[in-house]
């Protein structure tokens, strides 16, 4: 599931993610939250969501859509499209197996029922 966020009220974002977390099969949901690069307090908002929901979903991913990419317009659709394309980026963080911040994607993944802790670089996404 792709959830784009820009200047949305954080309480609305939390209520939406909480609603997904309450689903019977929430451990099977792969949630991709896509921020615009200019989102106010993006790092703080990401950390708040990570702390509250990271281990509930199969995967919880965060991406940052760069501002003013060539041939790209600022819109919800281009944000979601760019972020989904980043899922196939081959550069992986080793040894944690998570995508590094330079790919602009941070990942929380369930491994054998436990939540894998992302590396420090991933927290800087």
PDB file of N, CA and C in Angstrom:
ATOM      1  N   UNK A   1       0.841  -1.162   0.000  1.00  0.00           N
ATOM      2  CA  UNK A   1       0.000   0.000   0.000  1.00  0.00           C
ATOM      3  C   UNK A   1       0.892   1.232   0.000  1.00  0.00           C
ATOM      4  N   UNK A   2       0.583   2.195  -0.872  1.00  0.00           N
ATOM      5  CA  UNK A   2       1.336   3.437  -0.962  1.00  0.00           C
ATOM      6  C   UNK A   2       0.524   4.562  -0.328  1.00  0.00           C
ATOM      7  N   UNK A   3       1.162   5.302   0.567  1.00  0.00           N
ATOM      8  CA  UNK A   3       0.514   6.396   1.275  1.00  0.00           C
ATOM      9  C   UNK A   3       1.401   7.623   1.124  1.00  0.00           C
ATOM     10  N   UNK A   4       0.963   8.589   0.320  1.00  0.00           N
ATOM     11  CA  UNK A   4       1.751   9.799   0.099  1.00  0.00           C
ATOM     12  C   UNK A   4       1.409  10.844   1.160  1.00  0.00           C
ATOM     13  N   UNK A   5       2.461  11.543   1.623  1.00  0.00           N
ATOM     14  CA  UNK A   5       2.290  12.536   2.680  1.00  0.00           C
ATOM     15  C   UNK A   5       3.083  13.785   2.309  1.00  0.00           C
ATOM     16  N   UNK A   6       2.480  14.939   2.514  1.00  0.00           N
ATOM     17  CA  UNK A   6       3.204  16.190   2.314  1.00  0.00           C
ATOM     18  C   UNK A   6       2.995  17.056   3.551  1.00  0.00           C
ATOM     19  N   UNK A   7       2.003  17.918   3.528  1.00  0.00           N
ATOM     20  CA  UNK A   7       1.739  18.776   4.683  1.00  0.00           C
ATOM     21  C   UNK A   7       0.516  18.309   5.460  1.00  0.00           C
ATOM     22  N   UNK A   8       0.190  17.030   5.334  1.00  0.00           N
ATOM     23  CA  UNK A   8      -0.976  16.484   6.016  1.00  0.00           C
ATOM     24  C   UNK A   8      -0.822  16.605   7.528  1.00  0.00           C
ATOM     25  N   UNK A   9      -1.931  16.861   8.202  1.00  0.00           N
ATOM     26  CA  UNK A   9      -1.939  16.909   9.651  1.00  0.00           C
ATOM     27  C   UNK A   9      -1.461  15.563  10.194  1.00  0.00           C
ATOM     28  N   UNK A  10      -0.508  15.577  11.098  1.00  0.00           N
ATOM     29  CA  UNK A  10       0.085  14.339  11.595  1.00  0.00           C
ATOM     30  C   UNK A  10      -0.922  13.461  12.318  1.00  0.00           C
ATOM     31  N   UNK A  11      -1.892  14.044  12.979  1.00  0.00           N
ATOM     32  CA  UNK A  11      -2.913  13.235  13.648  1.00  0.00           C
ATOM     33  C   UNK A  11      -3.750  12.455  12.634  1.00  0.00           C
ATOM     34  N   UNK A  12      -3.989  13.038  11.469  1.00  0.00           N
ATOM     35  CA  UNK A  12      -4.717  12.338  10.402  1.00  0.00           C
ATOM     36  C   UNK A  12      -3.863  11.186   9.875  1.00  0.00           C
ATOM     37  N   UNK A  13      -2.578  11.435   9.686  1.00  0.00           N
ATOM     38  CA  UNK A  13      -1.665  10.383   9.218  1.00  0.00           C
ATOM     39  C   UNK A  13      -1.634   9.244  10.228  1.00  0.00           C
ATOM     40  N   UNK A  14      -1.489   9.568  11.508  1.00  0.00           N
ATOM     41  CA  UNK A  14      -1.439   8.536  12.551  1.00  0.00           C
ATOM     42  C   UNK A  14      -2.740   7.744  12.606  1.00  0.00           C
ATOM     43  N   UNK A  15      -3.871   8.423  12.529  1.00  0.00           N
ATOM     44  CA  UNK A  15      -5.167   7.713  12.544  1.00  0.00           C
ATOM     45  C   UNK A  15      -5.298   6.782  11.346  1.00  0.00           C
ATOM     46  N   UNK A  16      -4.818   7.218  10.201  1.00  0.00           N
ATOM     47  CA  UNK A  16      -4.895   6.383   8.995  1.00  0.00           C
ATOM     48  C   UNK A  16      -4.023   5.145   9.137  1.00  0.00           C
ATOM     49  N   UNK A  17      -2.788   5.333   9.573  1.00  0.00           N
ATOM     50  CA  UNK A  17      -1.883   4.192   9.750  1.00  0.00           C
ATOM     51  C   UNK A  17      -2.386   3.284  10.871  1.00  0.00           C
ATOM     52  N   UNK A  18      -2.937   3.861  11.929  1.00  0.00           N
ATOM     53  CA  UNK A  18      -3.494   3.060  13.021  1.00  0.00           C
ATOM     54  C   UNK A  18      -4.653   2.206  12.535  1.00  0.00           C
ATOM     55  N   UNK A  19      -5.460   2.752  11.655  1.00  0.00           N
ATOM     56  CA  UNK A  19      -6.571   1.988  11.083  1.00  0.00           C
ATOM     57  C   UNK A  19      -6.052   0.787  10.295  1.00  0.00           C
ATOM     58  N   UNK A  20      -4.990   0.988   9.538  1.00  0.00           N
ATOM     59  CA  UNK A  20      -4.379  -0.131   8.814  1.00  0.00           C
ATOM     60  C   UNK A  20      -3.787  -1.146   9.784  1.00  0.00           C
ATOM     61  N   UNK A  21      -3.183  -0.653  10.862  1.00  0.00           N
ATOM     62  CA  UNK A  21      -2.567  -1.531  11.858  1.00  0.00           C
ATOM     63  C   UNK A  21      -3.601  -2.409  12.563  1.00  0.00           C
ATOM     64  N   UNK A  22      -4.835  -1.950  12.634  1.00  0.00           N
ATOM     65  CA  UNK A  22      -5.897  -2.703  13.300  1.00  0.00           C
ATOM     66  C   UNK A  22      -6.504  -3.799  12.426  1.00  0.00           C
ATOM     67  N   UNK A  23      -6.101  -3.861  11.170  1.00  0.00           N
ATOM     68  CA  UNK A  23      -6.636  -4.879  10.273  1.00  0.00           C
ATOM     69  C   UNK A  23      -6.209  -6.267  10.744  1.00  0.00           C
ATOM     70  N   UNK A  24      -7.044  -7.248  10.510  1.00  0.00           N
ATOM     71  CA  UNK A  24      -6.782  -8.621  10.929  1.00  0.00           C
ATOM     72  C   UNK A  24      -5.438  -9.121  10.418  1.00  0.00           C
ATOM     73  N   UNK A  25      -5.122  -8.827   9.181  1.00  0.00           N
ATOM     74  CA  UNK A  25      -3.881  -9.301   8.574  1.00  0.00           C
ATOM     75  C   UNK A  25      -2.837  -8.198   8.444  1.00  0.00           C
ATOM     76  N   UNK A  26      -2.733  -7.312   9.426  1.00  0.00           N
ATOM     77  CA  UNK A  26      -1.789  -6.193   9.323  1.00  0.00           C
ATOM     78  C   UNK A  26      -0.340  -6.673   9.166  1.00  0.00           C
ATOM     79  N   UNK A  27      -0.028  -7.848   9.690  1.00  0.00           N
ATOM     80  CA  UNK A  27       1.336  -8.387   9.567  1.00  0.00           C
ATOM     81  C   UNK A  27       1.654  -8.791   8.125  1.00  0.00           C
ATOM     82  N   UNK A  28       0.661  -8.756   7.256  1.00  0.00           N
ATOM     83  CA  UNK A  28       0.881  -9.086   5.837  1.00  0.00           C
ATOM     84  C   UNK A  28       0.922  -7.833   4.966  1.00  0.00           C
ATOM     85  N   UNK A  29       0.715  -6.672   5.562  1.00  0.00           N
ATOM     86  CA  UNK A  29       0.681  -5.416   4.804  1.00  0.00           C
ATOM     87  C   UNK A  29       2.096  -4.878   4.625  1.00  0.00           C
ATOM     88  N   UNK A  30       2.420  -4.516   3.391  1.00  0.00           N
ATOM     89  CA  UNK A  30       3.651  -3.791   3.087  1.00  0.00           C
ATOM     90  C   UNK A  30       3.214  -2.345   2.881  1.00  0.00           C
ATOM     91  N   UNK A  31       3.664  -1.462   3.769  1.00  0.00           N
ATOM     92  CA  UNK A  31       3.241  -0.070   3.755  1.00  0.00           C
ATOM     93  C   UNK A  31       4.396   0.818   3.327  1.00  0.00           C
ATOM     94  N   UNK A  32       4.185   1.574   2.258  1.00  0.00           N
ATOM     95  CA  UNK A  32       5.183   2.516   1.756  1.00  0.00           C
ATOM     96  C   UNK A  32       4.654   3.927   1.966  1.00  0.00           C
ATOM     97  N   UNK A  33       5.271   4.656   2.899  1.00  0.00           N
ATOM     98  CA  UNK A  33       4.912   6.058   3.147  1.00  0.00           C
ATOM     99  C   UNK A  33       5.891   6.926   2.378  1.00  0.00           C
ATOM    100  N   UNK A  34       5.360   7.770   1.518  1.00  0.00           N
ATOM    101  CA  UNK A  34       6.207   8.583   0.648  1.00  0.00           C
ATOM    102  C   UNK A  34       6.102  10.042   1.041  1.00  0.00           C
ATOM    103  N   UNK A  35       7.218  10.630   1.433  1.00  0.00           N
ATOM    104  CA  UNK A  35       7.275  12.030   1.809  1.00  0.00           C
ATOM    105  C   UNK A  35       7.761  12.849   0.619  1.00  0.00           C
ATOM    106  N   UNK A  36       7.322  14.075   0.557  1.00  0.00           N
ATOM    107  CA  UNK A  36       7.945  15.040  -0.351  1.00  0.00           C
ATOM    108  C   UNK A  36       9.177  15.566   0.373  1.00  0.00           C
ATOM    109  N   UNK A  37      10.223  15.879  -0.376  1.00  0.00           N
ATOM    110  CA  UNK A  37      11.456  16.361   0.229  1.00  0.00           C
ATOM    111  C   UNK A  37      11.222  17.612   1.084  1.00  0.00           C
ATOM    112  N   UNK A  38      10.279  18.447   0.689  1.00  0.00           N
ATOM    113  CA  UNK A  38      10.002  19.697   1.411  1.00  0.00           C
ATOM    114  C   UNK A  38       8.996  19.547   2.544  1.00  0.00           C
ATOM    115  N   UNK A  39       8.641  18.327   2.901  1.00  0.00           N
ATOM    116  CA  UNK A  39       7.685  18.115   3.986  1.00  0.00           C
ATOM    117  C   UNK A  39       8.249  18.675   5.294  1.00  0.00           C
ATOM    118  N   UNK A  40       7.517  19.574   5.940  1.00  0.00           N
ATOM    119  CA  UNK A  40       7.993  20.124   7.217  1.00  0.00           C
ATOM    120  C   UNK A  40       8.136  19.020   8.276  1.00  0.00           C
ATOM    121  N   UNK A  41       9.209  19.051   9.041  1.00  0.00           N
ATOM    122  CA  UNK A  41       9.449  18.111  10.142  1.00  0.00           C
ATOM    123  C   UNK A  41       9.424  16.651   9.690  1.00  0.00           C
ATOM    124  N   UNK A  42       9.869  16.380   8.472  1.00  0.00           N
ATOM    125  CA  UNK A  42       9.828  15.033   7.902  1.00  0.00           C
ATOM    126  C   UNK A  42      10.546  14.013   8.775  1.00  0.00           C
ATOM    127  N   UNK A  43      11.733  14.338   9.257  1.00  0.00           N
ATOM    128  CA  UNK A  43      12.502  13.386  10.066  1.00  0.00           C
ATOM    129  C   UNK A  43      11.786  13.059  11.372  1.00  0.00           C
ATOM    130  N   UNK A  44      11.252  14.088  12.014  1.00  0.00           N
ATOM    131  CA  UNK A  44      10.520  13.888  13.268  1.00  0.00           C
ATOM    132  C   UNK A  44       9.258  13.064  13.024  1.00  0.00           C
ATOM    133  N   UNK A  45       8.559  13.341  11.956  1.00  0.00           N
ATOM    134  CA  UNK A  45       7.340  12.602  11.629  1.00  0.00           C
ATOM    135  C   UNK A  45       7.645  11.143  11.335  1.00  0.00           C
ATOM    136  N   UNK A  46       8.736  10.902  10.590  1.00  0.00           N
ATOM    137  CA  UNK A  46       9.140   9.534  10.277  1.00  0.00           C
ATOM    138  C   UNK A  46       9.447   8.768  11.555  1.00  0.00           C
ATOM    139  N   UNK A  47      10.223   9.385  12.429  1.00  0.00           N
ATOM    140  CA  UNK A  47      10.588   8.729  13.688  1.00  0.00           C
ATOM    141  C   UNK A  47       9.347   8.411  14.518  1.00  0.00           C
ATOM    142  N   UNK A  48       8.398   9.330  14.557  1.00  0.00           N
ATOM    143  CA  UNK A  48       7.160   9.116  15.312  1.00  0.00           C
ATOM    144  C   UNK A  48       6.400   7.896  14.773  1.00  0.00           C
ATOM    145  N   UNK A  49       6.310   7.778  13.473  1.00  0.00           N
ATOM    146  CA  UNK A  49       5.619   6.632  12.876  1.00  0.00           C
ATOM    147  C   UNK A  49       6.404   5.341  13.081  1.00  0.00           C
ATOM    148  N   UNK A  50       7.732   5.406  12.965  1.00  0.00           N
ATOM    149  CA  UNK A  50       8.562   4.227  13.196  1.00  0.00           C
ATOM    150  C   UNK A  50       8.381   3.697  14.613  1.00  0.00           C
ATOM    151  N   UNK A  51       8.411   4.596  15.576  1.00  0.00           N
ATOM    152  CA  UNK A  51       8.289   4.180  16.973  1.00  0.00           C
ATOM    153  C   UNK A  51       6.929   3.560  17.272  1.00  0.00           C
ATOM    154  N   UNK A  52       5.906   4.070  16.641  1.00  0.00           N
ATOM    155  CA  UNK A  52       4.545   3.622  16.945  1.00  0.00           C
ATOM    156  C   UNK A  52       4.125   2.377  16.158  1.00  0.00           C
ATOM    157  N   UNK A  53       4.594   2.248  14.893  1.00  0.00           N
ATOM    158  CA  UNK A  53       4.032   1.221  14.019  1.00  0.00           C
ATOM    159  C   UNK A  53       5.027   0.285  13.343  1.00  0.00           C
ATOM    160  N   UNK A  54       6.322   0.468  13.528  1.00  0.00           N
ATOM    161  CA  UNK A  54       7.312  -0.261  12.731  1.00  0.00           C
ATOM    162  C   UNK A  54       7.156  -1.777  12.757  1.00  0.00           C
ATOM    163  N   UNK A  55       6.844  -2.358  13.868  1.00  0.00           N
ATOM    164  CA  UNK A  55       6.818  -3.816  13.974  1.00  0.00           C
ATOM    165  C   UNK A  55       5.429  -4.421  13.774  1.00  0.00           C
ATOM    166  N   UNK A  56       4.491  -3.628  13.356  1.00  0.00           N
ATOM    167  CA  UNK A  56       3.127  -4.125  13.169  1.00  0.00           C
ATOM    168  C   UNK A  56       2.917  -4.699  11.775  1.00  0.00           C
ATOM    169  N   UNK A  57       3.541  -4.076  10.785  1.00  0.00           N
ATOM    170  CA  UNK A  57       3.345  -4.474   9.391  1.00  0.00           C
ATOM    171  C   UNK A  57       4.439  -5.433   8.942  1.00  0.00           C
ATOM    172  N   UNK A  58       4.170  -6.134   7.831  1.00  0.00           N
ATOM    173  CA  UNK A  58       5.203  -7.003   7.267  1.00  0.00           C
ATOM    174  C   UNK A  58       6.438  -6.161   6.956  1.00  0.00           C
ATOM    175  N   UNK A  59       6.214  -5.042   6.310  1.00  0.00           N
ATOM    176  CA  UNK A  59       7.279  -4.080   6.030  1.00  0.00           C
ATOM    177  C   UNK A  59       6.687  -2.685   6.132  1.00  0.00           C
ATOM    178  N   UNK A  60       7.482  -1.775   6.647  1.00  0.00           N
ATOM    179  CA  UNK A  60       7.089  -0.370   6.693  1.00  0.00           C
ATOM    180  C   UNK A  60       8.239   0.409   6.080  1.00  0.00           C
ATOM    181  N   UNK A  61       7.969   1.031   4.932  1.00  0.00           N
ATOM    182  CA  UNK A  61       9.013   1.705   4.187  1.00  0.00           C
ATOM    183  C   UNK A  61       8.729   3.196   4.129  1.00  0.00           C
ATOM    184  N   UNK A  62       9.794   3.984   4.106  1.00  0.00           N
ATOM    185  CA  UNK A  62       9.678   5.433   4.000  1.00  0.00           C
ATOM    186  C   UNK A  62      10.556   5.885   2.846  1.00  0.00           C
ATOM    187  N   UNK A  63      10.020   6.725   1.991  1.00  0.00           N
ATOM    188  CA  UNK A  63      10.832   7.278   0.914  1.00  0.00           C
ATOM    189  C   UNK A  63      10.693   8.793   0.904  1.00  0.00           C
ATOM    190  N   UNK A  64      11.651   9.438   0.254  1.00  0.00           N
ATOM    191  CA  UNK A  64      11.652  10.894   0.148  1.00  0.00           C
ATOM    192  C   UNK A  64      11.758  11.249  -1.325  1.00  0.00           C
ATOM    193  N   UNK A  65      10.691  11.815  -1.852  1.00  0.00           N
ATOM    194  CA  UNK A  65      10.648  12.220  -3.255  1.00  0.00           C
ATOM    195  C   UNK A  65      11.416  13.526  -3.421  1.00  0.00           C
ATOM    196  N   UNK A  66      12.514  13.505  -4.196  1.00  0.00           N
ATOM    197  CA  UNK A  66      13.329  14.711  -4.363  1.00  0.00           C
ATOM    198  C   UNK A  66      12.547  15.857  -5.006  1.00  0.00           C
ATOM    199  N   UNK A  67      12.858  17.051  -4.560  1.00  0.00           N
ATOM    200  CA  UNK A  67      12.237  18.265  -5.083  1.00  0.00           C
ATOM    201  C   UNK A  67      12.879  18.635  -6.419  1.00  0.00           C
ATOM    202  N   UNK A  68      12.078  19.025  -7.375  1.00  0.00           N
ATOM    203  CA  UNK A  68      12.502  19.530  -8.680  1.00  0.00           C
ATOM    204  C   UNK A  68      13.361  18.552  -9.477  1.00  0.00           C
ATOM    205  N   UNK A  69      12.920  17.320  -9.593  1.00  0.00           N
ATOM    206  CA  UNK A  69      13.577  16.373 -10.488  1.00  0.00           C
ATOM    207  C   UNK A  69      13.311  16.802 -11.930  1.00  0.00           C
ATOM    208  N   UNK A  70      14.268  16.583 -12.840  1.00  0.00           N
ATOM    209  CA  UNK A  70      14.018  16.926 -14.243  1.00  0.00           C
ATOM    210  C   UNK A  70      12.816  16.151 -14.789  1.00  0.00           C
ATOM    211  N   UNK A  71      11.982  16.802 -15.544  1.00  0.00           N
ATOM    212  CA  UNK A  71      10.805  16.199 -16.189  1.00  0.00           C
ATOM    213  C   UNK A  71       9.810  15.630 -15.185  1.00  0.00           C
ATOM    214  N   UNK A  72       9.759  16.198 -13.995  1.00  0.00           N
ATOM    215  CA  UNK A  72       8.870  15.712 -12.939  1.00  0.00           C
ATOM    216  C   UNK A  72       8.053  16.891 -12.427  1.00  0.00           C
ATOM    217  N   UNK A  73       6.775  16.661 -12.200  1.00  0.00           N
ATOM    218  CA  UNK A  73       5.936  17.713 -11.641  1.00  0.00           C
ATOM    219  C   UNK A  73       5.657  17.381 -10.174  1.00  0.00           C
ATOM    220  N   UNK A  74       5.458  18.410  -9.391  1.00  0.00           N
ATOM    221  CA  UNK A  74       5.142  18.205  -7.980  1.00  0.00           C
ATOM    222  C   UNK A  74       3.689  17.770  -7.861  1.00  0.00           C
ATOM    223  N   UNK A  75       3.474  16.486  -7.560  1.00  0.00           N
ATOM    224  CA  UNK A  75       2.116  15.971  -7.412  1.00  0.00           C
ATOM    225  C   UNK A  75       2.142  14.672  -6.610  1.00  0.00           C
ATOM    226  N   UNK A  76       0.991  14.306  -6.101  1.00  0.00           N
ATOM    227  CA  UNK A  76       0.847  13.062  -5.358  1.00  0.00           C
ATOM    228  C   UNK A  76       1.236  11.873  -6.238  1.00  0.00           C
ATOM    229  N   UNK A  77       0.802  11.918  -7.489  1.00  0.00           N
ATOM    230  CA  UNK A  77       1.065  10.812  -8.412  1.00  0.00           C
ATOM    231  C   UNK A  77       2.559  10.645  -8.688  1.00  0.00           C
ATOM    232  N   UNK A  78       3.276  11.746  -8.940  1.00  0.00           N
ATOM    233  CA  UNK A  78       4.713  11.622  -9.219  1.00  0.00           C
ATOM    234  C   UNK A  78       5.466  11.178  -7.972  1.00  0.00           C
ATOM    235  N   UNK A  79       5.021  11.599  -6.790  1.00  0.00           N
ATOM    236  CA  UNK A  79       5.609  11.160  -5.534  1.00  0.00           C
ATOM    237  C   UNK A  79       5.465   9.639  -5.406  1.00  0.00           C
ATOM    238  N   UNK A  80       4.261   9.134  -5.555  1.00  0.00           N
ATOM    239  CA  UNK A  80       4.008   7.696  -5.436  1.00  0.00           C
ATOM    240  C   UNK A  80       4.758   6.916  -6.512  1.00  0.00           C
ATOM    241  N   UNK A  81       4.727   7.403  -7.750  1.00  0.00           N
ATOM    242  CA  UNK A  81       5.388   6.718  -8.859  1.00  0.00           C
ATOM    243  C   UNK A  81       6.896   6.616  -8.616  1.00  0.00           C
ATOM    244  N   UNK A  82       7.516   7.731  -8.238  1.00  0.00           N
ATOM    245  CA  UNK A  82       8.951   7.735  -7.988  1.00  0.00           C
ATOM    246  C   UNK A  82       9.299   6.764  -6.862  1.00  0.00           C
ATOM    247  N   UNK A  83       8.526   6.780  -5.797  1.00  0.00           N
ATOM    248  CA  UNK A  83       8.807   5.947  -4.633  1.00  0.00           C
ATOM    249  C   UNK A  83       8.685   4.466  -4.943  1.00  0.00           C
ATOM    250  N   UNK A  84       7.672   4.091  -5.699  1.00  0.00           N
ATOM    251  CA  UNK A  84       7.501   2.681  -6.062  1.00  0.00           C
ATOM    252  C   UNK A  84       8.676   2.224  -6.931  1.00  0.00           C
ATOM    253  N   UNK A  85       9.152   3.092  -7.819  1.00  0.00           N
ATOM    254  CA  UNK A  85      10.306   2.736  -8.655  1.00  0.00           C
ATOM    255  C   UNK A  85      11.549   2.506  -7.802  1.00  0.00           C
ATOM    256  N   UNK A  86      11.677   3.195  -6.664  1.00  0.00           N
ATOM    257  CA  UNK A  86      12.832   3.029  -5.791  1.00  0.00           C
ATOM    258  C   UNK A  86      12.871   1.651  -5.147  1.00  0.00           C
ATOM    259  N   UNK A  87      11.740   0.973  -5.076  1.00  0.00           N
ATOM    260  CA  UNK A  87      11.705  -0.364  -4.479  1.00  0.00           C
ATOM    261  C   UNK A  87      12.606  -1.333  -5.218  1.00  0.00           C
ATOM    262  N   UNK A  88      12.805  -1.119  -6.507  1.00  0.00           N
ATOM    263  CA  UNK A  88      13.642  -2.007  -7.299  1.00  0.00           C
ATOM    264  C   UNK A  88      15.099  -1.601  -7.341  1.00  0.00           C
ATOM    265  N   UNK A  89      15.492  -0.575  -6.593  1.00  0.00           N
ATOM    266  CA  UNK A  89      16.880  -0.102  -6.593  1.00  0.00           C
ATOM    267  C   UNK A  89      17.791  -1.191  -6.044  1.00  0.00           C
ATOM    268  N   UNK A  90      18.868  -1.527  -6.749  1.00  0.00           N
ATOM    269  CA  UNK A  90      19.701  -2.676  -6.353  1.00  0.00           C
ATOM    270  C   UNK A  90      20.653  -2.434  -5.181  1.00  0.00           C
ATOM    271  N   UNK A  91      20.901  -1.189  -4.794  1.00  0.00           N
ATOM    272  CA  UNK A  91      21.884  -0.930  -3.737  1.00  0.00           C
ATOM    273  C   UNK A  91      21.302  -1.300  -2.378  1.00  0.00           C
ATOM    274  N   UNK A  92      21.936  -2.222  -1.701  1.00  0.00           N
ATOM    275  CA  UNK A  92      21.473  -2.664  -0.394  1.00  0.00           C
ATOM    276  C   UNK A  92      22.495  -2.326   0.671  1.00  0.00           C
ATOM    277  N   UNK A  93      22.015  -2.052   1.860  1.00  0.00           N
ATOM    278  CA  UNK A  93      22.870  -1.796   3.010  1.00  0.00           C
ATOM    279  C   UNK A  93      23.342  -3.141   3.551  1.00  0.00           C
ATOM    280  N   UNK A  94      24.583  -3.258   3.826  1.00  0.00           N
ATOM    281  CA  UNK A  94      25.111  -4.506   4.359  1.00  0.00           C
ATOM    282  C   UNK A  94      25.748  -4.203   5.719  1.00  0.00           C
ATOM    283  N   UNK A  95      25.617  -5.041   6.730  1.00  0.00           N
ATOM    284  CA  UNK A  95      25.012  -6.366   6.737  1.00  0.00           C
ATOM    285  C   UNK A  95      23.532  -6.379   7.086  1.00  0.00           C
ATOM    286  N   UNK A  96      22.898  -5.226   7.298  1.00  0.00           N
ATOM    287  CA  UNK A  96      21.508  -5.251   7.767  1.00  0.00           C
ATOM    288  C   UNK A  96      20.530  -5.636   6.665  1.00  0.00           C
ATOM    289  N   UNK A  97      20.940  -5.548   5.391  1.00  0.00           N
ATOM    290  CA  UNK A  97      20.067  -5.933   4.297  1.00  0.00           C
ATOM    291  C   UNK A  97      18.996  -4.918   3.977  1.00  0.00           C
ATOM    292  N   UNK A  98      19.131  -3.706   4.516  1.00  0.00           N
ATOM    293  CA  UNK A  98      18.135  -2.674   4.287  1.00  0.00           C
ATOM    294  C   UNK A  98      18.653  -1.669   3.278  1.00  0.00           C
ATOM    295  N   UNK A  99      17.742  -1.045   2.547  1.00  0.00           N
ATOM    296  CA  UNK A  99      18.149  -0.041   1.581  1.00  0.00           C
ATOM    297  C   UNK A  99      18.754   1.148   2.302  1.00  0.00           C
ATOM    298  N   UNK A 100      19.875   1.625   1.825  1.00  0.00           N
ATOM    299  CA  UNK A 100      20.591   2.734   2.458  1.00  0.00           C
ATOM    300  C   UNK A 100      19.912   4.058   2.200  1.00  0.00           C
ATOM    301  N   UNK A 101      20.212   5.044   3.021  1.00  0.00           N
ATOM    302  CA  UNK A 101      19.614   6.367   2.891  1.00  0.00           C
ATOM    303  C   UNK A 101      19.927   7.002   1.542  1.00  0.00           C
ATOM    304  N   UNK A 102      21.078   6.649   0.924  1.00  0.00           N
ATOM    305  CA  UNK A 102      21.380   7.274  -0.358  1.00  0.00           C
ATOM    306  C   UNK A 102      20.424   6.822  -1.457  1.00  0.00           C
ATOM    307  N   UNK A 103      19.658   5.759  -1.216  1.00  0.00           N
ATOM    308  CA  UNK A 103      18.603   5.379  -2.144  1.00  0.00           C
ATOM    309  C   UNK A 103      17.307   6.104  -1.804  1.00  0.00           C
ATOM    310  N   UNK A 104      17.343   6.884  -0.691  1.00  0.00           N
ATOM    311  CA  UNK A 104      16.199   7.641  -0.203  1.00  0.00           C
ATOM    312  C   UNK A 104      15.040   6.731   0.226  1.00  0.00           C
ATOM    313  N   UNK A 105      15.369   5.548   0.688  1.00  0.00           N
ATOM    314  CA  UNK A 105      14.340   4.627   1.145  1.00  0.00           C
ATOM    315  C   UNK A 105      14.801   3.977   2.449  1.00  0.00           C
ATOM    316  N   UNK A 106      13.946   3.944   3.425  1.00  0.00           N
ATOM    317  CA  UNK A 106      14.255   3.323   4.719  1.00  0.00           C
ATOM    318  C   UNK A 106      13.252   2.205   4.949  1.00  0.00           C
ATOM    319  N   UNK A 107      13.717   1.080   5.444  1.00  0.00           N
ATOM    320  CA  UNK A 107      12.865  -0.103   5.531  1.00  0.00           C
ATOM    321  C   UNK A 107      12.851  -0.702   6.939  1.00  0.00           C
ATOM    322  N   UNK A 108      11.678  -1.072   7.404  1.00  0.00           N
ATOM    323  CA  UNK A 108      11.519  -1.921   8.587  1.00  0.00           C
ATOM    324  C   UNK A 108      10.912  -3.217   8.070  1.00  0.00           C
ATOM    325  N   UNK A 109      11.507  -4.337   8.389  1.00  0.00           N
ATOM    326  CA  UNK A 109      11.029  -5.610   7.859  1.00  0.00           C
ATOM    327  C   UNK A 109      10.868  -6.609   8.994  1.00  0.00           C
ATOM    328  N   UNK A 110       9.804  -7.393   8.920  1.00  0.00           N
ATOM    329  CA  UNK A 110       9.634  -8.498   9.860  1.00  0.00           C
ATOM    330  C   UNK A 110      10.495  -9.659   9.369  1.00  0.00           C
ATOM    331  N   UNK A 111      11.306 -10.214  10.254  1.00  0.00           N
ATOM    332  CA  UNK A 111      12.130 -11.367   9.919  1.00  0.00           C
ATOM    333  C   UNK A 111      11.772 -12.465  10.901  1.00  0.00           C
ATOM    334  N   UNK A 112      11.206 -13.548  10.393  1.00  0.00           N
ATOM    335  CA  UNK A 112      10.782 -14.674  11.226  1.00  0.00           C
ATOM    336  C   UNK A 112       9.933 -14.203  12.401  1.00  0.00           C
ATOM    337  N   UNK A 113       9.007 -13.289  12.132  1.00  0.00           N
ATOM    338  CA  UNK A 113       8.077 -12.826  13.144  1.00  0.00           C
ATOM    339  C   UNK A 113       8.596 -11.712  14.034  1.00  0.00           C
ATOM    340  N   UNK A 114       9.899 -11.396  13.950  1.00  0.00           N
ATOM    341  CA  UNK A 114      10.470 -10.322  14.757  1.00  0.00           C
ATOM    342  C   UNK A 114      10.762  -9.119  13.860  1.00  0.00           C
ATOM    343  N   UNK A 115      10.784  -7.958  14.451  1.00  0.00           N
ATOM    344  CA  UNK A 115      11.051  -6.749  13.695  1.00  0.00           C
ATOM    345  C   UNK A 115      12.544  -6.497  13.621  1.00  0.00           C
ATOM    346  N   UNK A 116      13.075  -6.399  12.407  1.00  0.00           N
ATOM    347  CA  UNK A 116      14.496  -6.114  12.227  1.00  0.00           C
ATOM    348  C   UNK A 116      14.750  -4.632  12.509  1.00  0.00           C
ATOM    349  N   UNK A 117      15.813  -4.343  13.205  1.00  0.00           N
ATOM    350  CA  UNK A 117      16.171  -2.966  13.519  1.00  0.00           C
ATOM    351  C   UNK A 117      16.989  -2.394  12.370  1.00  0.00           C
ATOM    352  N   UNK A 118      16.578  -1.243  11.826  1.00  0.00           N
ATOM    353  CA  UNK A 118      17.341  -0.670  10.726  1.00  0.00           C
ATOM    354  C   UNK A 118      18.662  -0.091  11.220  1.00  0.00           C
ATOM    355  N   UNK A 119      19.610  -0.005  10.299  1.00  0.00           N
ATOM    356  CA  UNK A 119      20.910   0.576  10.662  1.00  0.00           C
ATOM    357  C   UNK A 119      20.759   2.073  10.903  1.00  0.00           C
ATOM    358  N   UNK A 120      21.763   2.680  11.513  1.00  0.00           N
ATOM    359  CA  UNK A 120      21.720   4.105  11.842  1.00  0.00           C
ATOM    360  C   UNK A 120      21.554   4.963  10.594  1.00  0.00           C
ATOM    361  N   UNK A 121      22.135   4.535   9.473  1.00  0.00           N
ATOM    362  CA  UNK A 121      22.014   5.295   8.227  1.00  0.00           C
ATOM    363  C   UNK A 121      20.569   5.360   7.786  1.00  0.00           C
ATOM    364  N   UNK A 122      19.842   4.266   7.956  1.00  0.00           N
ATOM    365  CA  UNK A 122      18.435   4.242   7.538  1.00  0.00           C
ATOM    366  C   UNK A 122      17.604   5.221   8.338  1.00  0.00           C
ATOM    367  N   UNK A 123      17.946   5.451   9.596  1.00  0.00           N
ATOM    368  CA  UNK A 123      17.185   6.392  10.401  1.00  0.00           C
ATOM    369  C   UNK A 123      17.363   7.822   9.939  1.00  0.00           C
ATOM    370  N   UNK A 124      18.386   8.086   9.130  1.00  0.00           N
ATOM    371  CA  UNK A 124      18.618   9.445   8.664  1.00  0.00           C
ATOM    372  C   UNK A 124      17.851   9.744   7.380  1.00  0.00           C
ATOM    373  N   UNK A 125      17.008   8.861   6.946  1.00  0.00           N
ATOM    374  CA  UNK A 125      16.279   9.027   5.679  1.00  0.00           C
ATOM    375  C   UNK A 125      15.448  10.270   5.662  1.00  0.00           C
TER     376      UNK A 125
END
